[in-house]
Amino acid sequence: REEVLKSRIEEKLVESKFGLRVALKASYLRNYGFDSGENEGLGEVGIVFSLPIFDFGRKKEELLSKRLEKLSKEEELRGAELSLKEKITEALS
């Protein structure tokens, strides 16, 4: 079960890797002159948005890979559950 949960989380991480990214950038520069009247300060704040447009099929490939991995883990879990049910049925009969 843990492997299935882990593969689901990894699939979500891959999906989010190709989404919109937002970053906040800020800087402040202080210039100290020889005279106290020459002290200057300059500050700026900016928001940076990033959205990958050209990924050359990498997104589709990675998503497909993670989905297949998730399906494989789910099938393994389902097989183990069926095997366990079969053993319990045999033990009870």
C-alpha atoms as a PDB file:
ATOM      1  CA  ARG A   1       0.000   0.000   0.000  1.00  0.00           C
ATOM      2  CA  GLU A   2       2.836   2.359   0.781  1.00  0.00           C
ATOM      3  CA  GLU A   3       4.320   1.859  -2.683  1.00  0.00           C
ATOM      4  CA  VAL A   4       0.985   2.690  -4.319  1.00  0.00           C
ATOM      5  CA  LEU A   5       0.658   5.828  -2.205  1.00  0.00           C
ATOM      6  CA  LYS A   6       4.251   6.785  -3.014  1.00  0.00           C
ATOM      7  CA  SER A   7       3.676   6.330  -6.754  1.00  0.00           C
ATOM      8  CA  ARG A   8       0.526   8.487  -6.589  1.00  0.00           C
ATOM      9  CA  ILE A   9       2.464  11.260  -4.843  1.00  0.00           C
ATOM     10  CA  GLU A  10       5.269  11.022  -7.403  1.00  0.00           C
ATOM     11  CA  GLU A  11       2.719  11.352 -10.217  1.00  0.00           C
ATOM     12  CA  LYS A  12       1.336  14.541  -8.638  1.00  0.00           C
ATOM     13  CA  LEU A  13       4.875  15.909  -8.250  1.00  0.00           C
ATOM     14  CA  VAL A  14       5.599  15.349 -11.937  1.00  0.00           C
ATOM     15  CA  GLU A  15       2.341  17.087 -12.875  1.00  0.00           C
ATOM     16  CA  SER A  16       3.170  20.080 -10.699  1.00  0.00           C
ATOM     17  CA  LYS A  17       6.692  20.331 -12.112  1.00  0.00           C
ATOM     18  CA  PHE A  18       5.280  21.445 -15.467  1.00  0.00           C
ATOM     19  CA  GLY A  19       2.728  23.899 -14.078  1.00  0.00           C
ATOM     20  CA  LEU A  20       2.811  27.616 -13.426  1.00  0.00           C
ATOM     21  CA  ARG A  21       5.584  28.754 -11.100  1.00  0.00           C
ATOM     22  CA  VAL A  22       5.503  31.976  -9.128  1.00  0.00           C
ATOM     23  CA  ALA A  23       8.529  33.563  -7.489  1.00  0.00           C
ATOM     24  CA  LEU A  24       8.896  36.739  -5.462  1.00  0.00           C
ATOM     25  CA  LYS A  25      12.183  38.575  -5.849  1.00  0.00           C
ATOM     26  CA  ALA A  26      13.247  41.579  -3.792  1.00  0.00           C
ATOM     27  CA  SER A  27      16.440  43.541  -3.414  1.00  0.00           C
ATOM     28  CA  TYR A  28      17.614  46.620  -1.593  1.00  0.00           C
ATOM     29  CA  LEU A  29      20.779  48.580  -2.319  1.00  0.00           C
ATOM     30  CA  ARG A  30      22.151  51.192   0.024  1.00  0.00           C
ATOM     31  CA  ASN A  31      24.802  53.674  -1.097  1.00  0.00           C
ATOM     32  CA  TYR A  32      26.666  55.420   1.714  1.00  0.00           C
ATOM     33  CA  GLY A  33      28.356  58.626   0.589  1.00  0.00           C
ATOM     34  CA  PHE A  34      31.016  60.721   2.259  1.00  0.00           C
ATOM     35  CA  ASP A  35      28.366  63.082   3.565  1.00  0.00           C
ATOM     36  CA  SER A  36      25.224  62.026   5.425  1.00  0.00           C
ATOM     37  CA  GLY A  37      23.196  63.927   2.826  1.00  0.00           C
ATOM     38  CA  GLU A  38      24.522  61.651   0.075  1.00  0.00           C
ATOM     39  CA  ASN A  39      23.058  58.437   1.512  1.00  0.00           C
ATOM     40  CA  GLU A  40      20.744  56.803  -0.984  1.00  0.00           C
ATOM     41  CA  GLY A  41      18.658  53.711  -0.889  1.00  0.00           C
ATOM     42  CA  LEU A  42      17.161  51.842  -3.830  1.00  0.00           C
ATOM     43  CA  GLY A  43      14.774  48.957  -3.460  1.00  0.00           C
ATOM     44  CA  GLU A  44      12.766  46.849  -5.849  1.00  0.00           C
ATOM     45  CA  VAL A  45      10.290  44.018  -5.595  1.00  0.00           C
ATOM     46  CA  GLY A  46       9.130  41.840  -8.434  1.00  0.00           C
ATOM     47  CA  ILE A  47       6.946  38.838  -9.107  1.00  0.00           C
ATOM     48  CA  VAL A  48       8.174  36.347 -11.681  1.00  0.00           C
ATOM     49  CA  PHE A  49       5.763  33.962 -13.424  1.00  0.00           C
ATOM     50  CA  SER A  50       7.169  30.981 -15.293  1.00  0.00           C
ATOM     51  CA  LEU A  51       5.206  28.569 -17.474  1.00  0.00           C
ATOM     52  CA  PRO A  52       7.068  26.026 -19.596  1.00  0.00           C
ATOM     53  CA  ILE A  53       5.674  26.207 -23.127  1.00  0.00           C
ATOM     54  CA  PHE A  54       8.135  24.135 -25.131  1.00  0.00           C
ATOM     55  CA  ASP A  55       9.014  20.907 -23.354  1.00  0.00           C
ATOM     56  CA  PHE A  56       9.499  18.822 -26.517  1.00  0.00           C
ATOM     57  CA  GLY A  57       7.333  15.945 -25.258  1.00  0.00           C
ATOM     58  CA  ARG A  58       9.179  15.573 -21.952  1.00  0.00           C
ATOM     59  CA  LYS A  59       6.054  16.350 -19.925  1.00  0.00           C
ATOM     60  CA  LYS A  60       3.941  13.745 -21.685  1.00  0.00           C
ATOM     61  CA  GLU A  61       6.711  11.155 -21.390  1.00  0.00           C
ATOM     62  CA  GLU A  62       7.293  11.700 -17.672  1.00  0.00           C
ATOM     63  CA  LEU A  63       3.559  11.761 -16.874  1.00  0.00           C
ATOM     64  CA  LEU A  64       2.975   8.574 -18.845  1.00  0.00           C
ATOM     65  CA  SER A  65       5.898   6.896 -17.113  1.00  0.00           C
ATOM     66  CA  LYS A  66       4.609   7.801 -13.638  1.00  0.00           C
ATOM     67  CA  ARG A  67       1.048   6.749 -14.508  1.00  0.00           C
ATOM     68  CA  LEU A  68       2.264   3.386 -15.758  1.00  0.00           C
ATOM     69  CA  GLU A  69       4.346   2.961 -12.618  1.00  0.00           C
ATOM     70  CA  LYS A  70       1.296   3.789 -10.484  1.00  0.00           C
ATOM     71  CA  LEU A  71      -0.889   1.314 -12.397  1.00  0.00           C
ATOM     72  CA  SER A  72       1.783  -1.367 -12.034  1.00  0.00           C
ATOM     73  CA  LYS A  73       1.937  -0.855  -8.254  1.00  0.00           C
ATOM     74  CA  GLU A  74      -1.859  -0.914  -8.010  1.00  0.00           C
ATOM     75  CA  GLU A  75      -1.973  -4.192  -9.971  1.00  0.00           C
ATOM     76  CA  GLU A  76       0.694  -5.698  -7.703  1.00  0.00           C
ATOM     77  CA  LEU A  77      -1.365  -4.698  -4.674  1.00  0.00           C
ATOM     78  CA  ARG A  78      -4.538  -6.092  -6.208  1.00  0.00           C
ATOM     79  CA  GLY A  79      -2.738  -9.378  -7.011  1.00  0.00           C
ATOM     80  CA  ALA A  80      -1.415  -9.642  -3.471  1.00  0.00           C
ATOM     81  CA  GLU A  81      -4.901  -9.016  -2.052  1.00  0.00           C
ATOM     82  CA  LEU A  82      -6.425 -11.699  -4.307  1.00  0.00           C
ATOM     83  CA  SER A  83      -3.678 -14.151  -3.369  1.00  0.00           C
ATOM     84  CA  LEU A  84      -4.308 -13.481   0.309  1.00  0.00           C
ATOM     85  CA  LYS A  85      -8.070 -13.979  -0.124  1.00  0.00           C
ATOM     86  CA  GLU A  86      -7.427 -17.242  -1.958  1.00  0.00           C
ATOM     87  CA  LYS A  87      -5.177 -18.529   0.833  1.00  0.00           C
ATOM     88  CA  ILE A  88      -7.742 -17.577   3.465  1.00  0.00           C
ATOM     89  CA  THR A  89     -10.494 -19.353   1.503  1.00  0.00           C
ATOM     90  CA  GLU A  90      -8.355 -22.475   1.188  1.00  0.00           C
ATOM     91  CA  ALA A  91      -7.522 -22.422   4.896  1.00  0.00           C
ATOM     92  CA  LEU A  92     -11.193 -22.112   5.854  1.00  0.00           C
ATOM     93  CA  SER A  93     -12.389 -24.945   3.613  1.00  0.00           C
END
